[in-house]
Amino acid sequence: MLNVRHHNRRGLWIALFGPDGAGKTATIDELTHRLKPLFSEVTGFHFRPEFGNRTTGRPPVLNPHGQAPRSRVISLVKLIYWLLDCWLGYLTVILPALRRAQIVIFDRYLPDLLVDPQRYRLPASAMWLARFMVRLAPCPDLYILLDVSAEELQRRKCEVAPAESQRQRTAYFALFRSLAATLVIDAERPVPEVACQVMNALSTLHVISPLPQSEASAIANL
């Protein structure tokens, strides 16, 4: 199901979500290749803007739950710091990029910490502030969830227990029901087909032209 907001801007900001193994990196690489001819530039970030430093190409996280949660005080400070980073990055990097007809792609974004707080080392005692901070952060034009079954996630990557894979899948669906601009995609399909679905969704925002019928048919037959 597609639910999008359209802003009267020349650029576009999207954020991809999904557990490890959902194919976010491969999908972003495919989208970057497809979108480069259509926008003046493609800018990528991971989770947060990090004050304007581009952080694509970082090594994969092999043990997302390998570290213990931080203390409550340090976690609260971290959350405030991350929110400030999101706003500073938005005002100084993302918004100017959108005005220059660029596309900004995030691999995860701040709401992700509500799905997997253990990954971000957040204790339960800090989650009340996490939920509040997420509501205050600037919002992408489109949130995209790459949905993969727990069984397929375990086949691709078994970094967490099967029950955790299922829990995360359920939590992502719950998160996306609370967001205003969402697209959920079956990411068990080949990466080119997943990227095709995203491109078709972007065409409904009138920021790119629809795929030619020949290309759409070829991808659908993969």
Protein backbone atom coordinates (compact mmCIF):
# COMPACT_ATOMS: atom_id res chain seq x y z
CA MET A 1 0.00 0.00 0.00
CA LEU A 2 1.32 3.46 -0.94
CA ASN A 3 0.64 6.56 1.07
CA VAL A 4 2.77 9.60 0.17
CA ARG A 5 3.04 13.30 0.77
CA HIS A 6 4.04 15.60 -2.05
CA HIS A 7 5.91 18.82 -1.42
CA ASN A 8 6.31 21.57 -4.00
CA ARG A 9 10.07 21.04 -4.27
CA ARG A 10 12.32 19.88 -7.05
CA GLY A 11 14.13 17.27 -4.95
CA LEU A 12 13.02 14.31 -2.87
CA TRP A 13 13.98 12.79 0.49
CA ILE A 14 13.36 9.07 1.07
CA ALA A 15 14.36 6.73 3.90
CA LEU A 16 14.60 2.94 3.63
CA PHE A 17 13.87 0.66 6.58
CA GLY A 18 14.10 -3.05 7.23
CA PRO A 19 16.01 -5.58 9.30
CA ASP A 20 19.54 -6.66 8.44
CA GLY A 21 19.18 -8.93 5.43
CA ALA A 22 16.24 -7.05 3.90
CA GLY A 23 18.43 -5.77 1.06
CA LYS A 24 18.59 -2.07 1.91
CA THR A 25 22.17 -1.58 0.71
CA ALA A 26 21.62 -3.39 -2.58
CA THR A 27 18.34 -1.56 -3.19
CA ILE A 28 19.93 1.82 -2.46
CA ASP A 29 22.78 1.03 -4.86
CA GLU A 30 20.27 0.09 -7.56
CA LEU A 31 18.16 3.19 -6.92
CA THR A 32 21.22 5.43 -6.98
CA HIS A 33 22.15 4.05 -10.39
CA ARG A 34 18.63 4.58 -11.71
CA LEU A 35 18.07 8.02 -10.19
CA LYS A 36 21.39 9.68 -11.02
CA PRO A 37 20.27 10.68 -14.54
CA LEU A 38 17.02 12.17 -13.16
CA PHE A 39 18.36 14.40 -10.38
CA SER A 40 21.27 16.81 -10.16
CA GLU A 41 22.85 14.59 -7.49
CA VAL A 42 22.09 11.66 -5.18
CA THR A 43 23.12 12.18 -1.55
CA GLY A 44 23.18 9.29 0.92
CA PHE A 45 23.28 9.00 4.70
CA HIS A 46 23.05 6.23 7.28
CA PHE A 47 20.55 6.63 10.17
CA ARG A 48 21.28 10.35 10.74
CA PRO A 49 23.02 13.21 8.91
CA GLU A 50 26.11 13.19 11.18
CA PHE A 51 26.29 16.97 10.74
CA GLY A 52 26.51 16.69 6.97
CA ASN A 53 29.12 13.95 6.67
CA ARG A 54 28.10 11.40 4.07
CA THR A 55 28.29 7.95 5.59
CA THR A 56 27.41 5.56 2.78
CA GLY A 57 29.76 2.70 2.10
CA ARG A 58 30.36 1.91 5.76
CA PRO A 59 31.05 -1.75 6.64
CA PRO A 60 28.02 -3.88 7.57
CA VAL A 61 27.10 -4.41 11.20
CA LEU A 62 27.84 -8.06 11.93
CA ASN A 63 26.66 -8.20 15.55
CA PRO A 64 23.90 -5.58 16.01
CA HIS A 65 23.10 -6.72 19.55
CA GLY A 66 26.66 -7.35 20.66
CA GLN A 67 26.99 -4.41 23.06
CA ALA A 68 25.18 -3.78 26.32
CA PRO A 69 22.77 -0.83 26.62
CA ARG A 70 24.19 2.49 27.75
CA SER A 71 23.16 4.00 31.04
CA ARG A 72 19.92 5.94 31.21
CA VAL A 73 21.67 9.33 31.54
CA ILE A 74 24.06 8.74 28.64
CA SER A 75 21.19 7.45 26.51
CA LEU A 76 19.11 10.57 27.15
CA VAL A 77 22.05 12.76 26.17
CA LYS A 78 22.59 10.65 23.03
CA LEU A 79 18.95 11.01 22.01
CA ILE A 80 19.05 14.79 22.35
CA TYR A 81 22.32 14.85 20.40
CA TRP A 82 20.80 12.73 17.61
CA LEU A 83 17.75 14.99 17.37
CA LEU A 84 19.94 18.10 17.13
CA ASP A 85 21.99 16.37 14.47
CA CYS A 86 18.85 15.56 12.47
CA TRP A 87 17.69 19.17 12.54
CA LEU A 88 21.10 20.69 11.82
CA GLY A 89 21.65 18.22 9.00
CA TYR A 90 18.20 18.97 7.61
CA LEU A 91 18.65 22.74 7.65
CA THR A 92 22.23 22.86 6.38
CA VAL A 93 22.44 19.87 4.02
CA ILE A 94 19.14 18.13 3.25
CA LEU A 95 16.90 21.14 2.63
CA PRO A 96 19.48 22.90 0.41
CA ALA A 97 19.95 19.64 -1.50
CA LEU A 98 16.19 19.37 -2.10
CA ARG A 99 16.11 22.95 -3.38
CA ARG A 100 18.90 22.04 -5.81
CA ALA A 101 16.81 19.19 -7.25
CA GLN A 102 18.79 16.45 -5.53
CA ILE A 103 17.48 13.23 -4.06
CA VAL A 104 18.48 12.35 -0.50
CA ILE A 105 18.40 8.66 0.49
CA PHE A 106 18.74 7.42 4.07
CA ASP A 107 19.64 3.85 4.97
CA ARG A 108 17.54 3.76 8.18
CA TYR A 109 16.50 6.96 9.95
CA LEU A 110 15.71 8.05 13.49
CA PRO A 111 12.40 6.11 13.89
CA ASP A 112 14.41 2.91 13.45
CA LEU A 113 15.50 3.11 17.08
CA LEU A 114 11.88 2.45 18.14
CA VAL A 115 11.95 -0.90 16.33
CA ASP A 116 15.33 -2.11 17.54
CA PRO A 117 16.45 -0.13 20.59
CA GLN A 118 19.00 -2.83 21.45
CA ARG A 119 20.85 -2.04 18.22
CA TYR A 120 21.21 1.57 19.39
CA ARG A 121 22.05 0.51 22.96
CA LEU A 122 18.98 2.16 24.44
CA PRO A 123 17.67 0.89 27.77
CA ALA A 124 13.94 0.57 28.40
CA SER A 125 14.10 3.53 30.77
CA ALA A 126 15.05 5.85 27.87
CA MET A 127 12.34 4.81 25.43
CA TRP A 128 9.85 7.45 26.57
CA LEU A 129 12.26 10.14 25.36
CA ALA A 130 13.03 8.18 22.19
CA ARG A 131 9.35 8.17 21.22
CA PHE A 132 9.12 11.90 21.91
CA MET A 133 12.29 12.72 19.96
CA VAL A 134 11.15 10.77 16.91
CA ARG A 135 8.00 12.90 16.72
CA LEU A 136 10.10 16.08 16.79
CA ALA A 137 12.52 15.08 14.02
CA PRO A 138 12.17 16.40 10.45
CA CYS A 139 10.32 13.92 8.25
CA PRO A 140 11.32 12.41 4.88
CA ASP A 141 8.90 12.73 1.99
CA LEU A 142 8.58 8.95 1.82
CA TYR A 143 9.36 6.12 4.26
CA ILE A 144 10.00 2.79 2.52
CA LEU A 145 9.85 -0.56 4.31
CA LEU A 146 11.57 -3.52 2.67
CA ASP A 147 9.49 -6.37 4.04
CA VAL A 148 11.03 -9.84 4.23
CA SER A 149 9.68 -12.86 6.10
CA ALA A 150 11.53 -13.96 9.23
CA GLU A 151 12.41 -17.25 7.53
CA GLU A 152 14.00 -15.49 4.57
CA LEU A 153 15.87 -13.09 6.84
CA GLN A 154 17.33 -16.05 8.69
CA ARG A 155 18.39 -17.60 5.40
CA ARG A 156 20.12 -14.40 4.30
CA LYS A 157 21.60 -13.39 7.65
CA CYS A 158 21.33 -15.18 10.97
CA GLU A 159 22.79 -12.45 13.18
CA VAL A 160 19.77 -12.48 15.50
CA ALA A 161 17.49 -15.28 16.70
CA PRO A 162 14.47 -16.29 14.55
CA ALA A 163 12.10 -14.93 17.18
CA GLU A 164 13.87 -11.56 17.01
CA SER A 165 13.55 -11.47 13.23
CA GLN A 166 9.80 -12.02 13.56
CA ARG A 167 9.54 -9.43 16.34
CA GLN A 168 11.30 -6.83 14.22
CA ARG A 169 9.06 -7.51 11.24
CA THR A 170 5.98 -7.01 13.40
CA ALA A 171 7.47 -3.87 14.96
CA TYR A 172 8.22 -2.35 11.54
CA PHE A 173 4.61 -2.83 10.46
CA ALA A 174 3.43 -1.18 13.67
CA LEU A 175 5.84 1.74 13.14
CA PHE A 176 4.73 2.26 9.54
CA ARG A 177 1.09 2.42 10.59
CA SER A 178 2.03 5.48 12.66
CA LEU A 179 3.87 7.32 9.85
CA ALA A 180 2.22 9.64 7.36
CA ALA A 181 4.10 8.84 4.14
CA THR A 182 4.81 5.17 3.62
CA LEU A 183 5.48 2.48 1.05
CA VAL A 184 5.78 -1.21 1.96
CA ILE A 185 7.50 -3.44 -0.59
CA ASP A 186 7.91 -7.19 -0.82
CA ALA A 187 11.71 -7.36 -0.72
CA GLU A 188 11.91 -11.11 -1.24
CA ARG A 189 11.82 -10.33 -4.95
CA PRO A 190 14.97 -9.62 -7.00
CA VAL A 191 16.62 -6.26 -6.29
CA PRO A 192 15.84 -4.80 -9.76
CA GLU A 193 12.16 -5.55 -9.23
CA VAL A 194 12.22 -3.98 -5.76
CA ALA A 195 13.87 -0.87 -7.22
CA CYS A 196 11.25 -0.83 -10.00
CA GLN A 197 8.47 -0.69 -7.41
CA VAL A 198 10.17 2.23 -5.69
CA MET A 199 10.61 4.04 -9.01
CA ASN A 200 6.93 3.56 -9.83
CA ALA A 201 6.01 4.98 -6.42
CA LEU A 202 8.23 8.01 -7.02
CA SER A 203 6.49 8.59 -10.33
CA THR A 204 3.22 9.07 -8.42
CA LEU A 205 4.93 11.98 -6.64
CA HIS A 206 5.46 13.53 -10.09
CA VAL A 207 9.20 13.91 -9.45
CA ILE A 208 10.18 11.30 -12.05
CA SER A 209 8.54 10.01 -15.19
CA PRO A 210 6.83 6.61 -15.12
CA LEU A 211 8.95 3.66 -16.27
CA PRO A 212 8.59 2.79 -19.94
CA GLN A 213 6.20 -0.11 -20.37
CA SER A 214 8.92 -2.27 -21.95
CA GLU A 215 11.23 -1.85 -18.95
CA ALA A 216 8.45 -2.42 -16.42
CA SER A 217 7.39 -5.62 -18.22
CA ALA A 218 10.96 -6.91 -18.41
CA ILE A 219 11.48 -6.43 -14.70
CA ALA A 220 8.13 -7.96 -13.83
CA ASN A 221 9.15 -11.12 -15.70
CA LEU A 222 12.38 -11.61 -13.73
